[in-house]
Amino acid sequence: MKKIFMQEFLLNCVYLAPRGNDRLMMLGEQISHRHLSINDRLIGIVGDAGSGKSSLIKGMFPGLELSNDDDGINPGKIMQIRDPIGSMQNAATFHMDMRFQTAFTQMFEIVTFVRTALLKQRRLIIEHFDLLYPHLDMNAEILVGIGEEIIIARPTVFGPSPKDVYDIVYPSAKYRKMAHTAEDIMKLIIMKEYKMPRTWHNLDVRRGFVMAFDNPPDVSAAEITALENRAKEIIAADLPVSYFSEEYIKIGDDPVQCAGPRIHVRSTGEVENFRLMKEIIHEPLRGEYLLVGLIGEQGHEEKLNNLNKLSAF
C-alpha cells in the first residue's frame, strides 16, 4: 500500500516576510521543519533580487555553501556544472542562482547538470527557478516565493507553476522595501532627533511595520501626527538610502542601525503614502502596545482587523 504523506495535501502556505536577516533565517528554519521532506530533491526559489532569498536559504539549509551571495560569487560553485560527476562525489546538496549561472554557462549545460544530479539522488536549491522551469520540463517538489509575503507551495501537474508564484511575490516586494525604509526613518527620528533610546522590538504587518513596546509610550495623537509629519519631510527630501555595512544603512549622511541593510528602496522618495495610525494599539494577549506605520494605498486601515486580510492565492 502506498504511503501517504501530509505534504501531498498542501496547496500553499503564506507567511509575512520579515525584514531582518536574523528573523528571515529563523523563519527559514521553521519552514524547513514544517514543509520540507527528507525526500525533496528539487527546491525552487523565486523572487526579486534583494528580497532576502539568500538569508532565507541559509535558514532553511544551515551550512550550505552558496554559489553566490551578497558578498560575491564562488567561481568553483558556478563552474561545477561542467564537472558534475566530480562534484557529485563530494556533495549531497547544491545551490544555484539562475541569474548568475546563465552569465557563465549555457542553458543546456544547466539542464543536463540538474537532471544528472537528480538521477544521482542529489538535492538542488535553485534561485530564480522560474527561469529554468521552461527548459527543464519539470516542476520543483516545493516552491518558495519571497516578496512582501513568503509563499510555500507544493506543486503537482495541476500547478502552481513557478511563474504563478513569481507573479504574486515580485510586484509585492517593493512594499516590503518601502515599509523597511519607512521603519528606519522612524528609528532615525526617534533615536537621533528625539534622543530616545530604543525600547521597542519590531513586528510585521502587511503593507507596513509595527513598533511594539512593553509599556505604553506616553504619546498623544497630536505627537504621533508631528512624528508622521517629520517622517514625511524626510521622504519628500528624497534622500539616498544606501548599504553601509552588515549592521547599518545610511539615510542621506546619517547612519542607522539595521538588521536587513539590503532590503530597502534606493531613496526615501520611493516610499509611497506613508502614514501612522493615530493611536497606540493595545495587544491584549501579548500585553504589548503597538505603534503602526503603513505605506501604499489607503483605505484598508479603516478596520484594524483588516490589515492582514486573507486573500486568494
C-alpha atoms as a PDB file:
ATOM      1  CA  MET A   1       0.000   0.000   0.000  1.00  0.00           C
ATOM      2  CA  LYS A   2       1.368   3.423  -0.977  1.00  0.00           C
ATOM      3  CA  LYS A   3       2.328   5.641   1.936  1.00  0.00           C
ATOM      4  CA  ILE A   4       0.508   8.971   2.108  1.00  0.00           C
ATOM      5  CA  PHE A   5       2.365  11.985   3.457  1.00  0.00           C
ATOM      6  CA  MET A   6       0.762  15.150   4.774  1.00  0.00           C
ATOM      7  CA  GLN A   7       2.768  17.189   2.235  1.00  0.00           C
ATOM      8  CA  GLU A   8       0.597  15.722  -0.528  1.00  0.00           C
ATOM      9  CA  PHE A   9      -2.340  17.774   0.750  1.00  0.00           C
ATOM     10  CA  LEU A  10      -0.507  21.110   0.909  1.00  0.00           C
ATOM     11  CA  LEU A  11      -1.616  23.577  -1.761  1.00  0.00           C
ATOM     12  CA  ASN A  12       0.075  26.671  -0.397  1.00  0.00           C
ATOM     13  CA  CYS A  13       1.006  28.366   2.842  1.00  0.00           C
ATOM     14  CA  VAL A  14       1.642  32.089   3.331  1.00  0.00           C
ATOM     15  CA  TYR A  15       3.913  33.850   5.831  1.00  0.00           C
ATOM     16  CA  LEU A  16       4.601  37.544   6.255  1.00  0.00           C
ATOM     17  CA  ALA A  17       8.192  38.099   5.130  1.00  0.00           C
ATOM     18  CA  PRO A  18      10.236  39.649   7.951  1.00  0.00           C
ATOM     19  CA  ARG A  19      12.883  42.241   7.122  1.00  0.00           C
ATOM     20  CA  GLY A  20      15.820  41.489   9.425  1.00  0.00           C
ATOM     21  CA  ASN A  21      18.338  38.854   8.317  1.00  0.00           C
ATOM     22  CA  ASP A  22      18.151  37.001  11.650  1.00  0.00           C
ATOM     23  CA  ARG A  23      14.359  36.921  11.506  1.00  0.00           C
ATOM     24  CA  LEU A  24      14.487  35.670   7.909  1.00  0.00           C
ATOM     25  CA  MET A  25      16.857  32.859   8.862  1.00  0.00           C
ATOM     26  CA  MET A  26      14.693  31.925  11.851  1.00  0.00           C
ATOM     27  CA  LEU A  27      11.650  31.724   9.581  1.00  0.00           C
ATOM     28  CA  GLY A  28      13.675  29.689   7.072  1.00  0.00           C
ATOM     29  CA  GLU A  29      14.458  27.195   9.830  1.00  0.00           C
ATOM     30  CA  GLN A  30      10.759  26.933  10.715  1.00  0.00           C
ATOM     31  CA  ILE A  31       9.809  26.444   7.056  1.00  0.00           C
ATOM     32  CA  SER A  32      12.308  23.601   6.684  1.00  0.00           C
ATOM     33  CA  HIS A  33      10.894  21.827   9.749  1.00  0.00           C
ATOM     34  CA  ARG A  34       7.276  22.314   8.710  1.00  0.00           C
ATOM     35  CA  HIS A  35       7.360  21.858   4.960  1.00  0.00           C
ATOM     36  CA  LEU A  36      10.499  20.064   3.760  1.00  0.00           C
ATOM     37  CA  SER A  37      10.629  16.321   3.386  1.00  0.00           C
ATOM     38  CA  ILE A  38      13.847  14.341   3.521  1.00  0.00           C
ATOM     39  CA  ASN A  39      12.893  13.060   0.063  1.00  0.00           C
ATOM     40  CA  ASP A  40      12.607  16.522  -1.550  1.00  0.00           C
ATOM     41  CA  ARG A  41      15.376  16.861  -4.114  1.00  0.00           C
ATOM     42  CA  LEU A  42      14.353  19.870  -6.230  1.00  0.00           C
ATOM     43  CA  ILE A  43      13.578  23.091  -4.347  1.00  0.00           C
ATOM     44  CA  GLY A  44      12.707  26.143  -6.413  1.00  0.00           C
ATOM     45  CA  ILE A  45      13.138  29.665  -5.008  1.00  0.00           C
ATOM     46  CA  VAL A  46      11.555  32.652  -6.776  1.00  0.00           C
ATOM     47  CA  GLY A  47      11.621  36.366  -6.037  1.00  0.00           C
ATOM     48  CA  ASP A  48      13.344  39.585  -6.979  1.00  0.00           C
ATOM     49  CA  ALA A  49      16.961  40.473  -6.207  1.00  0.00           C
ATOM     50  CA  GLY A  50      17.338  41.981  -2.754  1.00  0.00           C
ATOM     51  CA  SER A  51      14.245  40.278  -1.357  1.00  0.00           C
ATOM     52  CA  GLY A  52      16.177  38.178   1.168  1.00  0.00           C
ATOM     53  CA  LYS A  53      16.375  34.863  -0.690  1.00  0.00           C
ATOM     54  CA  SER A  54      19.942  34.143   0.459  1.00  0.00           C
ATOM     55  CA  SER A  55      19.126  34.672   4.152  1.00  0.00           C
ATOM     56  CA  LEU A  56      16.023  32.503   3.854  1.00  0.00           C
ATOM     57  CA  ILE A  57      18.032  29.723   2.182  1.00  0.00           C
ATOM     58  CA  LYS A  58      20.704  29.914   4.891  1.00  0.00           C
ATOM     59  CA  GLY A  59      17.986  29.410   7.481  1.00  0.00           C
ATOM     60  CA  MET A  60      16.415  26.512   5.594  1.00  0.00           C
ATOM     61  CA  PHE A  61      19.726  24.788   4.876  1.00  0.00           C
ATOM     62  CA  PRO A  62      22.276  25.686   7.586  1.00  0.00           C
ATOM     63  CA  GLY A  63      25.868  25.305   6.442  1.00  0.00           C
ATOM     64  CA  LEU A  64      25.037  25.171   2.742  1.00  0.00           C
ATOM     65  CA  GLU A  65      27.744  26.886   0.694  1.00  0.00           C
ATOM     66  CA  LEU A  66      26.029  29.186  -1.783  1.00  0.00           C
ATOM     67  CA  SER A  67      27.310  29.675  -5.321  1.00  0.00           C
ATOM     68  CA  ASN A  68      26.812  33.400  -4.755  1.00  0.00           C
ATOM     69  CA  ASP A  69      25.517  35.742  -2.103  1.00  0.00           C
ATOM     70  CA  ASP A  70      25.635  39.436  -1.260  1.00  0.00           C
ATOM     71  CA  ASP A  71      29.422  39.281  -0.854  1.00  0.00           C
ATOM     72  CA  GLY A  72      30.116  37.986  -4.365  1.00  0.00           C
ATOM     73  CA  ILE A  73      30.252  34.780  -6.369  1.00  0.00           C
ATOM     74  CA  ASN A  74      32.026  31.466  -5.812  1.00  0.00           C
ATOM     75  CA  PRO A  75      33.663  30.595  -9.182  1.00  0.00           C
ATOM     76  CA  GLY A  76      34.147  26.965  -8.178  1.00  0.00           C
ATOM     77  CA  LYS A  77      30.454  26.563  -7.413  1.00  0.00           C
ATOM     78  CA  ILE A  78      29.405  28.421 -10.567  1.00  0.00           C
ATOM     79  CA  MET A  79      31.535  26.168 -12.803  1.00  0.00           C
ATOM     80  CA  GLN A  80      30.760  22.900 -11.023  1.00  0.00           C
ATOM     81  CA  ILE A  81      28.124  22.075 -13.608  1.00  0.00           C
ATOM     82  CA  ARG A  82      30.876  21.347 -16.161  1.00  0.00           C
ATOM     83  CA  ASP A  83      32.242  18.613 -13.914  1.00  0.00           C
ATOM     84  CA  PRO A  84      29.071  17.100 -12.490  1.00  0.00           C
ATOM     85  CA  ILE A  85      30.479  13.659 -11.792  1.00  0.00           C
ATOM     86  CA  GLY A  86      33.421  15.003  -9.785  1.00  0.00           C
ATOM     87  CA  SER A  87      31.262  17.493  -7.932  1.00  0.00           C
ATOM     88  CA  MET A  88      28.612  14.961  -7.054  1.00  0.00           C
ATOM     89  CA  GLN A  89      31.079  12.644  -5.371  1.00  0.00           C
ATOM     90  CA  ASN A  90      31.740  15.288  -2.736  1.00  0.00           C
ATOM     91  CA  ALA A  91      28.365  16.896  -2.054  1.00  0.00           C
ATOM     92  CA  ALA A  92      24.776  15.899  -1.423  1.00  0.00           C
ATOM     93  CA  THR A  93      23.225  19.360  -1.849  1.00  0.00           C
ATOM     94  CA  PHE A  94      23.853  22.011  -4.491  1.00  0.00           C
ATOM     95  CA  HIS A  95      22.879  25.656  -4.723  1.00  0.00           C
ATOM     96  CA  MET A  96      22.413  27.515  -7.993  1.00  0.00           C
ATOM     97  CA  ASP A  97      21.326  31.064  -8.853  1.00  0.00           C
ATOM     98  CA  MET A  98      19.988  31.070 -12.398  1.00  0.00           C
ATOM     99  CA  ARG A  99      20.691  34.772 -12.996  1.00  0.00           C
ATOM    100  CA  PHE A 100      24.366  34.257 -12.205  1.00  0.00           C
ATOM    101  CA  GLN A 101      24.619  30.790 -13.707  1.00  0.00           C
ATOM    102  CA  THR A 102      23.350  31.800 -17.147  1.00  0.00           C
ATOM    103  CA  ALA A 103      26.017  34.506 -17.331  1.00  0.00           C
ATOM    104  CA  PHE A 104      28.725  31.821 -17.303  1.00  0.00           C
ATOM    105  CA  THR A 105      27.186  28.681 -18.788  1.00  0.00           C
ATOM    106  CA  GLN A 106      24.693  27.657 -21.455  1.00  0.00           C
ATOM    107  CA  MET A 107      21.144  26.617 -20.612  1.00  0.00           C
ATOM    108  CA  PHE A 108      21.608  23.096 -21.996  1.00  0.00           C
ATOM    109  CA  GLU A 109      24.574  22.614 -19.634  1.00  0.00           C
ATOM    110  CA  ILE A 110      22.465  23.691 -16.674  1.00  0.00           C
ATOM    111  CA  VAL A 111      19.593  21.379 -17.636  1.00  0.00           C
ATOM    112  CA  THR A 112      21.997  18.444 -18.053  1.00  0.00           C
ATOM    113  CA  PHE A 113      23.584  19.130 -14.673  1.00  0.00           C
ATOM    114  CA  VAL A 114      20.219  19.338 -12.904  1.00  0.00           C
ATOM    115  CA  ARG A 115      18.919  16.130 -14.495  1.00  0.00           C
ATOM    116  CA  THR A 116      22.164  14.285 -13.714  1.00  0.00           C
ATOM    117  CA  ALA A 117      22.109  15.465 -10.108  1.00  0.00           C
ATOM    118  CA  LEU A 118      18.516  14.343  -9.660  1.00  0.00           C
ATOM    119  CA  LEU A 119      19.314  10.913 -11.125  1.00  0.00           C
ATOM    120  CA  LYS A 120      22.142  10.616  -8.597  1.00  0.00           C
ATOM    121  CA  GLN A 121      19.725  11.444  -5.753  1.00  0.00           C
ATOM    122  CA  ARG A 122      21.312  14.828  -5.030  1.00  0.00           C
ATOM    123  CA  ARG A 123      19.340  17.792  -3.730  1.00  0.00           C
ATOM    124  CA  LEU A 124      19.274  21.098  -5.640  1.00  0.00           C
ATOM    125  CA  ILE A 125      18.212  24.515  -4.336  1.00  0.00           C
ATOM    126  CA  ILE A 126      17.705  26.753  -7.344  1.00  0.00           C
ATOM    127  CA  GLU A 127      17.139  30.508  -7.069  1.00  0.00           C
ATOM    128  CA  HIS A 128      15.107  32.170  -9.837  1.00  0.00           C
ATOM    129  CA  PHE A 129      13.686  28.752 -10.640  1.00  0.00           C
ATOM    130  CA  ASP A 130      11.153  30.422 -12.930  1.00  0.00           C
ATOM    131  CA  LEU A 131      13.999  30.995 -15.430  1.00  0.00           C
ATOM    132  CA  LEU A 132      14.890  27.284 -15.526  1.00  0.00           C
ATOM    133  CA  TYR A 133      11.407  25.787 -15.469  1.00  0.00           C
ATOM    134  CA  PRO A 134      10.517  26.312 -19.182  1.00  0.00           C
ATOM    135  CA  HIS A 135      13.682  24.447 -20.220  1.00  0.00           C
ATOM    136  CA  LEU A 136      13.684  21.716 -17.575  1.00  0.00           C
ATOM    137  CA  ASP A 137      10.166  20.467 -18.287  1.00  0.00           C
ATOM    138  CA  MET A 138       9.578  19.502 -14.651  1.00  0.00           C
ATOM    139  CA  ASN A 139       8.416  21.455 -11.648  1.00  0.00           C
ATOM    140  CA  ALA A 140      10.077  21.683  -8.265  1.00  0.00           C
ATOM    141  CA  GLU A 141       8.867  19.447  -5.470  1.00  0.00           C
ATOM    142  CA  ILE A 142       8.480  22.536  -3.336  1.00  0.00           C
ATOM    143  CA  LEU A 143       8.328  26.179  -4.435  1.00  0.00           C
ATOM    144  CA  VAL A 144       9.267  29.068  -2.154  1.00  0.00           C
ATOM    145  CA  GLY A 145       8.391  32.582  -3.290  1.00  0.00           C
ATOM    146  CA  ILE A 146       9.516  35.654  -1.366  1.00  0.00           C
ATOM    147  CA  GLY A 147       8.174  39.182  -1.735  1.00  0.00           C
ATOM    148  CA  GLU A 148       6.097  41.050   0.812  1.00  0.00           C
ATOM    149  CA  GLU A 149       4.971  37.591   1.824  1.00  0.00           C
ATOM    150  CA  ILE A 150       6.607  34.173   1.640  1.00  0.00           C
ATOM    151  CA  ILE A 151       4.554  31.619  -0.250  1.00  0.00           C
ATOM    152  CA  ILE A 152       5.224  27.902   0.190  1.00  0.00           C
ATOM    153  CA  ALA A 153       3.651  25.694  -2.467  1.00  0.00           C
ATOM    154  CA  ARG A 154       3.941  22.001  -3.233  1.00  0.00           C
ATOM    155  CA  PRO A 155       3.155  21.790  -6.960  1.00  0.00           C
ATOM    156  CA  THR A 156       1.523  18.943  -8.815  1.00  0.00           C
ATOM    157  CA  VAL A 157       0.827  18.523 -12.527  1.00  0.00           C
ATOM    158  CA  PHE A 158      -2.108  20.879 -11.883  1.00  0.00           C
ATOM    159  CA  GLY A 159       0.148  23.726 -10.712  1.00  0.00           C
ATOM    160  CA  PRO A 160       1.021  26.177  -9.470  1.00  0.00           C
ATOM    161  CA  SER A 161       3.825  26.981 -11.878  1.00  0.00           C
ATOM    162  CA  PRO A 162       6.873  28.985 -10.762  1.00  0.00           C
ATOM    163  CA  LYS A 163       5.537  31.916 -12.785  1.00  0.00           C
ATOM    164  CA  ASP A 164       2.265  31.809 -10.817  1.00  0.00           C
ATOM    165  CA  VAL A 165       4.227  32.296  -7.597  1.00  0.00           C
ATOM    166  CA  TYR A 166       6.600  34.848  -9.120  1.00  0.00           C
ATOM    167  CA  ASP A 167       3.713  36.958 -10.418  1.00  0.00           C
ATOM    168  CA  ILE A 168       2.465  37.290  -6.833  1.00  0.00           C
ATOM    169  CA  VAL A 169       5.707  37.898  -4.961  1.00  0.00           C
ATOM    170  CA  TYR A 170       7.564  40.099  -7.468  1.00  0.00           C
ATOM    171  CA  PRO A 171       5.117  43.060  -7.515  1.00  0.00           C
ATOM    172  CA  SER A 172       4.706  42.958  -3.751  1.00  0.00           C
ATOM    173  CA  ALA A 173       8.435  43.082  -2.904  1.00  0.00           C
ATOM    174  CA  LYS A 174       8.547  46.861  -3.363  1.00  0.00           C
ATOM    175  CA  TYR A 175       6.077  47.339  -0.494  1.00  0.00           C
ATOM    176  CA  ARG A 176       8.309  45.370   1.837  1.00  0.00           C
ATOM    177  CA  LYS A 177      11.280  47.558   0.876  1.00  0.00           C
ATOM    178  CA  MET A 178       9.195  50.720   1.310  1.00  0.00           C
ATOM    179  CA  ALA A 179       7.975  49.586   4.730  1.00  0.00           C
ATOM    180  CA  HIS A 180      11.502  48.756   5.861  1.00  0.00           C
ATOM    181  CA  THR A 181      12.808  52.149   4.770  1.00  0.00           C
ATOM    182  CA  ALA A 182       9.909  53.942   6.498  1.00  0.00           C
ATOM    183  CA  GLU A 183      10.596  51.923   9.638  1.00  0.00           C
ATOM    184  CA  ASP A 184      14.245  53.035   9.638  1.00  0.00           C
ATOM    185  CA  ILE A 185      13.262  56.658   9.003  1.00  0.00           C
ATOM    186  CA  MET A 186      11.177  56.436  12.173  1.00  0.00           C
ATOM    187  CA  LYS A 187      14.110  54.933  14.028  1.00  0.00           C
ATOM    188  CA  LEU A 188      16.354  57.793  12.855  1.00  0.00           C
ATOM    189  CA  ILE A 189      13.887  60.436  14.047  1.00  0.00           C
ATOM    190  CA  ILE A 190      13.172  58.838  17.422  1.00  0.00           C
ATOM    191  CA  MET A 191      16.755  57.994  18.339  1.00  0.00           C
ATOM    192  CA  LYS A 192      18.686  60.908  16.784  1.00  0.00           C
ATOM    193  CA  GLU A 193      16.292  63.837  16.802  1.00  0.00           C
ATOM    194  CA  TYR A 194      14.177  62.951  19.850  1.00  0.00           C
ATOM    195  CA  LYS A 195      17.178  61.465  21.733  1.00  0.00           C
ATOM    196  CA  MET A 196      15.124  58.491  22.890  1.00  0.00           C
ATOM    197  CA  PRO A 197      16.678  55.058  23.466  1.00  0.00           C
ATOM    198  CA  ARG A 198      15.319  52.064  21.611  1.00  0.00           C
ATOM    199  CA  THR A 199      12.720  50.465  23.866  1.00  0.00           C
ATOM    200  CA  TRP A 200      10.739  48.561  21.231  1.00  0.00           C
ATOM    201  CA  HIS A 201      11.027  45.485  19.065  1.00  0.00           C
ATOM    202  CA  ASN A 202       9.646  45.016  15.576  1.00  0.00           C
ATOM    203  CA  LEU A 203       6.652  43.040  14.391  1.00  0.00           C
ATOM    204  CA  ASP A 204       5.277  42.631  10.889  1.00  0.00           C
ATOM    205  CA  VAL A 205       2.052  43.636   9.207  1.00  0.00           C
ATOM    206  CA  ARG A 206       1.079  43.668   5.564  1.00  0.00           C
ATOM    207  CA  ARG A 207       1.938  46.989   3.828  1.00  0.00           C
ATOM    208  CA  GLY A 208       3.575  48.400   6.927  1.00  0.00           C
ATOM    209  CA  PHE A 209       5.589  47.914  10.101  1.00  0.00           C
ATOM    210  CA  VAL A 210       4.928  47.659  13.825  1.00  0.00           C
ATOM    211  CA  MET A 211       6.938  49.035  16.738  1.00  0.00           C
ATOM    212  CA  ALA A 212       5.945  47.024  19.820  1.00  0.00           C
ATOM    213  CA  PHE A 213       6.501  48.419  23.349  1.00  0.00           C
ATOM    214  CA  ASP A 214       6.244  46.510  26.618  1.00  0.00           C
ATOM    215  CA  ASN A 215       4.922  49.625  28.351  1.00  0.00           C
ATOM    216  CA  PRO A 216       2.511  52.172  26.857  1.00  0.00           C
ATOM    217  CA  PRO A 217       4.509  55.094  25.393  1.00  0.00           C
ATOM    218  CA  ASP A 218       3.381  58.449  26.732  1.00  0.00           C
ATOM    219  CA  VAL A 219       2.439  59.976  23.395  1.00  0.00           C
ATOM    220  CA  SER A 220      -0.687  61.784  22.242  1.00  0.00           C
ATOM    221  CA  ALA A 221      -2.404  61.730  18.848  1.00  0.00           C
ATOM    222  CA  ALA A 222      -1.000  65.203  18.184  1.00  0.00           C
ATOM    223  CA  GLU A 223       2.539  63.985  18.925  1.00  0.00           C
ATOM    224  CA  ILE A 224       2.059  60.980  16.623  1.00  0.00           C
ATOM    225  CA  THR A 225       0.936  63.410  13.910  1.00  0.00           C
ATOM    226  CA  ALA A 226       4.066  65.513  14.478  1.00  0.00           C
ATOM    227  CA  LEU A 227       6.215  62.390  14.203  1.00  0.00           C
ATOM    228  CA  GLU A 228       4.421  61.428  10.989  1.00  0.00           C
ATOM    229  CA  ASN A 229       4.930  64.902   9.510  1.00  0.00           C
ATOM    230  CA  ARG A 230       8.659  64.829  10.270  1.00  0.00           C
ATOM    231  CA  ALA A 231       8.962  61.431   8.558  1.00  0.00           C
ATOM    232  CA  LYS A 232       7.099  62.818   5.543  1.00  0.00           C
ATOM    233  CA  GLU A 233       9.615  65.689   5.358  1.00  0.00           C
ATOM    234  CA  ILE A 234      12.476  63.179   5.123  1.00  0.00           C
ATOM    235  CA  ILE A 235      10.572  61.199   2.500  1.00  0.00           C
ATOM    236  CA  ALA A 236       9.874  64.350   0.467  1.00  0.00           C
ATOM    237  CA  ALA A 237      13.584  65.282   0.611  1.00  0.00           C
ATOM    238  CA  ASP A 238      14.277  62.161  -1.500  1.00  0.00           C
ATOM    239  CA  LEU A 239      17.455  61.306   0.412  1.00  0.00           C
ATOM    240  CA  PRO A 240      19.572  58.399  -0.845  1.00  0.00           C
ATOM    241  CA  VAL A 241      19.268  55.142   1.100  1.00  0.00           C
ATOM    242  CA  SER A 242      22.430  53.074   0.852  1.00  0.00           C
ATOM    243  CA  TYR A 243      24.074  49.985   2.270  1.00  0.00           C
ATOM    244  CA  PHE A 244      26.809  50.924   4.745  1.00  0.00           C
ATOM    245  CA  SER A 245      27.666  47.649   6.497  1.00  0.00           C
ATOM    246  CA  GLU A 246      26.035  44.419   7.577  1.00  0.00           C
ATOM    247  CA  GLU A 247      24.570  46.304  10.554  1.00  0.00           C
ATOM    248  CA  TYR A 248      23.996  49.805   9.191  1.00  0.00           C
ATOM    249  CA  ILE A 249      22.446  51.698   6.315  1.00  0.00           C
ATOM    250  CA  LYS A 250      22.742  55.392   5.546  1.00  0.00           C
ATOM    251  CA  ILE A 251      19.745  57.686   5.081  1.00  0.00           C
ATOM    252  CA  GLY A 252      21.339  60.706   3.491  1.00  0.00           C
ATOM    253  CA  ASP A 253      24.503  61.146   5.576  1.00  0.00           C
ATOM    254  CA  ASP A 254      23.054  59.598   8.744  1.00  0.00           C
ATOM    255  CA  PRO A 255      23.973  56.001   9.668  1.00  0.00           C
ATOM    256  CA  VAL A 256      21.065  53.949  11.019  1.00  0.00           C
ATOM    257  CA  GLN A 257      21.459  50.528  12.600  1.00  0.00           C
ATOM    258  CA  CYS A 258      19.538  47.974  10.566  1.00  0.00           C
ATOM    259  CA  ALA A 259      19.187  44.186  10.698  1.00  0.00           C
ATOM    260  CA  GLY A 260      18.433  43.887   6.965  1.00  0.00           C
ATOM    261  CA  PRO A 261      20.574  46.522   5.226  1.00  0.00           C
ATOM    262  CA  ARG A 262      19.920  45.323   1.680  1.00  0.00           C
ATOM    263  CA  ILE A 263      16.117  45.266   1.859  1.00  0.00           C
ATOM    264  CA  HIS A 264      15.387  48.935   1.133  1.00  0.00           C
ATOM    265  CA  VAL A 265      14.306  51.274  -1.624  1.00  0.00           C
ATOM    266  CA  ARG A 266      17.061  53.392  -3.196  1.00  0.00           C
ATOM    267  CA  SER A 267      15.842  56.721  -1.847  1.00  0.00           C
ATOM    268  CA  THR A 268      13.330  57.967   0.687  1.00  0.00           C
ATOM    269  CA  GLY A 269      11.228  59.488  -2.101  1.00  0.00           C
ATOM    270  CA  GLU A 270      10.274  55.984  -3.250  1.00  0.00           C
ATOM    271  CA  VAL A 271       8.245  55.428  -0.061  1.00  0.00           C
ATOM    272  CA  GLU A 272       4.620  55.831  -1.128  1.00  0.00           C
ATOM    273  CA  ASN A 273       1.874  57.309   1.019  1.00  0.00           C
ATOM    274  CA  PHE A 274       3.428  56.908   4.457  1.00  0.00           C
ATOM    275  CA  ARG A 275       1.179  57.427   7.482  1.00  0.00           C
ATOM    276  CA  LEU A 276       0.948  56.431  11.134  1.00  0.00           C
ATOM    277  CA  MET A 277      -2.140  55.172  12.879  1.00  0.00           C
ATOM    278  CA  LYS A 278      -3.035  57.954  15.327  1.00  0.00           C
ATOM    279  CA  GLU A 279      -3.392  55.852  18.447  1.00  0.00           C
ATOM    280  CA  ILE A 280      -1.310  53.331  20.331  1.00  0.00           C
ATOM    281  CA  ILE A 281      -2.944  49.930  19.976  1.00  0.00           C
ATOM    282  CA  HIS A 282      -3.045  47.535  22.912  1.00  0.00           C
ATOM    283  CA  GLU A 283      -2.436  43.888  22.043  1.00  0.00           C
ATOM    284  CA  PRO A 284      -4.132  42.034  24.912  1.00  0.00           C
ATOM    285  CA  LEU A 285      -2.694  38.531  24.517  1.00  0.00           C
ATOM    286  CA  ARG A 286       0.966  39.620  24.424  1.00  0.00           C
ATOM    287  CA  GLY A 287       0.398  42.648  26.645  1.00  0.00           C
ATOM    288  CA  GLU A 288       2.182  44.924  24.175  1.00  0.00           C
ATOM    289  CA  TYR A 289       1.490  48.439  22.918  1.00  0.00           C
ATOM    290  CA  LEU A 290       1.813  48.950  19.192  1.00  0.00           C
ATOM    291  CA  LEU A 291       2.706  51.942  17.053  1.00  0.00           C
ATOM    292  CA  VAL A 292       1.734  51.047  13.484  1.00  0.00           C
ATOM    293  CA  GLY A 293       3.108  52.612  10.315  1.00  0.00           C
ATOM    294  CA  LEU A 294       1.586  51.973   6.895  1.00  0.00           C
ATOM    295  CA  ILE A 295       2.588  52.573   3.285  1.00  0.00           C
ATOM    296  CA  GLY A 296       0.902  52.103  -0.078  1.00  0.00           C
ATOM    297  CA  GLU A 297      -2.755  52.538  -0.903  1.00  0.00           C
ATOM    298  CA  GLN A 298      -5.125  53.926   1.714  1.00  0.00           C
ATOM    299  CA  GLY A 299      -8.475  52.590   2.788  1.00  0.00           C
ATOM    300  CA  HIS A 300      -7.839  49.160   4.248  1.00  0.00           C
ATOM    301  CA  GLU A 301      -6.560  50.554   7.570  1.00  0.00           C
ATOM    302  CA  GLU A 302     -10.014  51.856   8.446  1.00  0.00           C
ATOM    303  CA  LYS A 303     -10.524  48.499  10.158  1.00  0.00           C
ATOM    304  CA  LEU A 304      -7.622  47.316  12.260  1.00  0.00           C
ATOM    305  CA  ASN A 305      -8.504  43.657  11.825  1.00  0.00           C
ATOM    306  CA  ASN A 306      -8.467  44.058   8.040  1.00  0.00           C
ATOM    307  CA  LEU A 307      -4.732  44.761   7.688  1.00  0.00           C
ATOM    308  CA  ASN A 308      -3.781  41.087   7.341  1.00  0.00           C
ATOM    309  CA  LYS A 309      -6.943  40.102   5.495  1.00  0.00           C
ATOM    310  CA  LEU A 310      -6.807  36.709   3.802  1.00  0.00           C
ATOM    311  CA  SER A 311      -6.650  36.878   0.020  1.00  0.00           C
ATOM    312  CA  ALA A 312      -6.934  34.306  -2.721  1.00  0.00           C
ATOM    313  CA  PHE A 313      -3.754  32.590  -3.986  1.00  0.00           C
END
